[in-house]
Amino acid sequence: MREVLDRWKAAFDGHRTDAMADLFTTDALFQGFGPTVTAGRDAVRAYYEAVPDDRTADVTVLHTYTIGDQVAGGFADVTFRDPAGWEAAVHLSLVLRRDEGSWRIRQYHVSRVITDH
């Protein structure tokens, strides 16, 4: 989980959308900030192409688990930021699957953390 999220963070921070898409299985289910669930690497690539280039992500892995040798999952807290001061905290849940010789994201779901200040 940590290795996948380290690669995800590096690709996100570098706005490398092809590298982002390659982290996902070809049949991945994906739900980012919007209400729509999408599927597949092309949808993942399109989602990240729409993210502004200057955004970065800070990731804290909270919990991981495995189901046999081929499936793993877990939860992380992620805070997205940009240089102008925009910030969004989310809970991230992932399901990983061994695919094409490495761990890839099969299911990705964010839930925005709303706090009253």
Protein backbone atom coordinates (compact mmCIF):
# COMPACT_ATOMS: atom_id res chain seq x y z
CA MET A 1 0.00 0.00 0.00
CA ARG A 2 2.71 2.48 0.96
CA GLU A 3 4.71 1.74 -2.18
CA VAL A 4 1.64 2.23 -4.41
CA LEU A 5 0.73 5.46 -2.65
CA ASP A 6 4.34 6.71 -2.88
CA ARG A 7 4.20 6.15 -6.67
CA TRP A 8 0.73 7.75 -6.79
CA LYS A 9 1.98 10.83 -4.89
CA ALA A 10 5.04 11.21 -7.13
CA ALA A 11 2.90 11.00 -10.26
CA PHE A 12 0.24 13.35 -8.83
CA ASP A 13 2.74 15.96 -7.62
CA GLY A 14 4.50 15.83 -11.01
CA HIS A 15 1.19 15.99 -12.91
CA ARG A 16 2.22 12.87 -14.87
CA THR A 17 -1.20 11.70 -15.99
CA ASP A 18 0.03 8.68 -17.98
CA ALA A 19 1.95 7.45 -14.92
CA MET A 20 -1.17 8.03 -12.80
CA ALA A 21 -3.34 5.99 -15.17
CA ASP A 22 -0.78 3.17 -15.21
CA LEU A 23 -1.16 2.79 -11.44
CA PHE A 24 -4.74 1.58 -12.01
CA THR A 25 -6.05 -1.71 -13.39
CA THR A 26 -7.68 -1.56 -16.82
CA ASP A 27 -11.07 -2.15 -15.15
CA ALA A 28 -10.56 0.16 -12.16
CA LEU A 29 -13.51 1.84 -10.47
CA PHE A 30 -12.72 5.46 -9.60
CA GLN A 31 -14.51 8.14 -7.60
CA GLY A 32 -12.68 11.38 -7.03
CA PHE A 33 -14.19 14.67 -5.82
CA GLY A 34 -17.20 14.49 -8.13
CA PRO A 35 -20.33 12.42 -7.61
CA THR A 36 -19.74 10.24 -10.69
CA VAL A 37 -18.08 6.83 -10.49
CA THR A 38 -15.99 6.16 -13.58
CA ALA A 39 -14.20 3.07 -14.81
CA GLY A 40 -10.94 2.30 -16.59
CA ARG A 41 -7.56 3.89 -17.14
CA ASP A 42 -8.79 6.35 -19.77
CA ALA A 43 -11.32 7.78 -17.29
CA VAL A 44 -8.61 8.01 -14.61
CA ARG A 45 -6.27 9.79 -17.02
CA ALA A 46 -9.01 12.25 -18.04
CA TYR A 47 -9.80 12.98 -14.39
CA TYR A 48 -6.18 13.80 -13.55
CA GLU A 49 -5.68 15.82 -16.75
CA ALA A 50 -8.35 18.19 -15.40
CA VAL A 51 -6.49 18.70 -12.10
CA PRO A 52 -4.44 21.93 -12.05
CA ASP A 53 -0.70 21.33 -12.55
CA ASP A 54 0.35 23.06 -9.32
CA ARG A 55 -1.55 20.81 -6.90
CA THR A 56 0.28 18.43 -4.59
CA ALA A 57 -0.82 15.75 -2.15
CA ASP A 58 0.34 14.80 1.34
CA VAL A 59 -0.49 11.18 2.18
CA THR A 60 -0.72 9.41 5.53
CA VAL A 61 -1.47 5.67 5.42
CA LEU A 62 -3.86 4.74 8.23
CA HIS A 63 -4.61 1.05 7.81
CA THR A 64 -3.79 -1.77 5.40
CA TYR A 65 -4.99 -5.33 4.94
CA THR A 66 -4.46 -8.26 2.58
CA ILE A 67 -6.80 -10.90 1.23
CA GLY A 68 -4.57 -13.69 -0.01
CA ASP A 69 -1.68 -12.99 -2.36
CA GLN A 70 -3.62 -11.04 -5.00
CA VAL A 71 -5.78 -8.47 -3.17
CA ALA A 72 -4.96 -5.79 -0.61
CA GLY A 73 -6.56 -2.60 0.55
CA GLY A 74 -6.47 0.16 3.04
CA PHE A 75 -7.25 3.68 4.08
CA ALA A 76 -5.26 6.90 4.00
CA ASP A 77 -5.74 10.55 4.77
CA VAL A 78 -4.74 12.84 1.92
CA THR A 79 -4.50 16.62 1.91
CA PHE A 80 -4.42 18.26 -1.50
CA ARG A 81 -2.89 21.75 -1.73
CA ASP A 82 -1.87 24.44 -4.18
CA PRO A 83 0.52 27.40 -3.82
CA ALA A 84 -2.36 29.91 -3.58
CA GLY A 85 -3.55 28.37 -0.29
CA TRP A 86 -6.33 26.10 -1.56
CA GLU A 87 -6.54 22.94 0.54
CA ALA A 88 -8.82 19.91 0.62
CA ALA A 89 -8.59 17.03 3.07
CA VAL A 90 -10.02 13.64 2.11
CA HIS A 91 -10.25 10.11 3.37
CA LEU A 92 -9.04 7.71 0.67
CA SER A 93 -9.96 4.05 0.47
CA LEU A 94 -8.23 1.74 -1.97
CA VAL A 95 -8.49 -1.84 -3.13
CA LEU A 96 -5.32 -3.12 -4.80
CA ARG A 97 -4.90 -6.14 -7.05
CA ARG A 98 -1.79 -7.87 -8.38
CA ASP A 99 -2.01 -7.07 -12.08
CA GLU A 100 0.55 -7.25 -14.87
CA GLY A 101 3.29 -8.15 -12.37
CA SER A 102 2.73 -5.36 -9.84
CA TRP A 103 0.18 -3.96 -7.44
CA ARG A 104 -2.36 -1.69 -9.12
CA ILE A 105 -5.38 0.22 -7.85
CA ARG A 106 -8.62 -1.65 -8.60
CA GLN A 107 -10.91 0.66 -6.63
CA TYR A 108 -10.31 4.27 -5.55
CA HIS A 109 -12.74 6.34 -3.50
CA VAL A 110 -12.32 9.71 -1.80
CA SER A 111 -14.58 11.20 0.79
CA ARG A 112 -14.05 14.86 1.50
CA VAL A 113 -13.43 15.81 5.12
CA ILE A 114 -15.54 18.81 6.00
CA THR A 115 -14.66 20.63 9.20
CA ASP A 116 -16.32 23.67 10.66
CA HIS A 117 -13.83 26.28 11.77
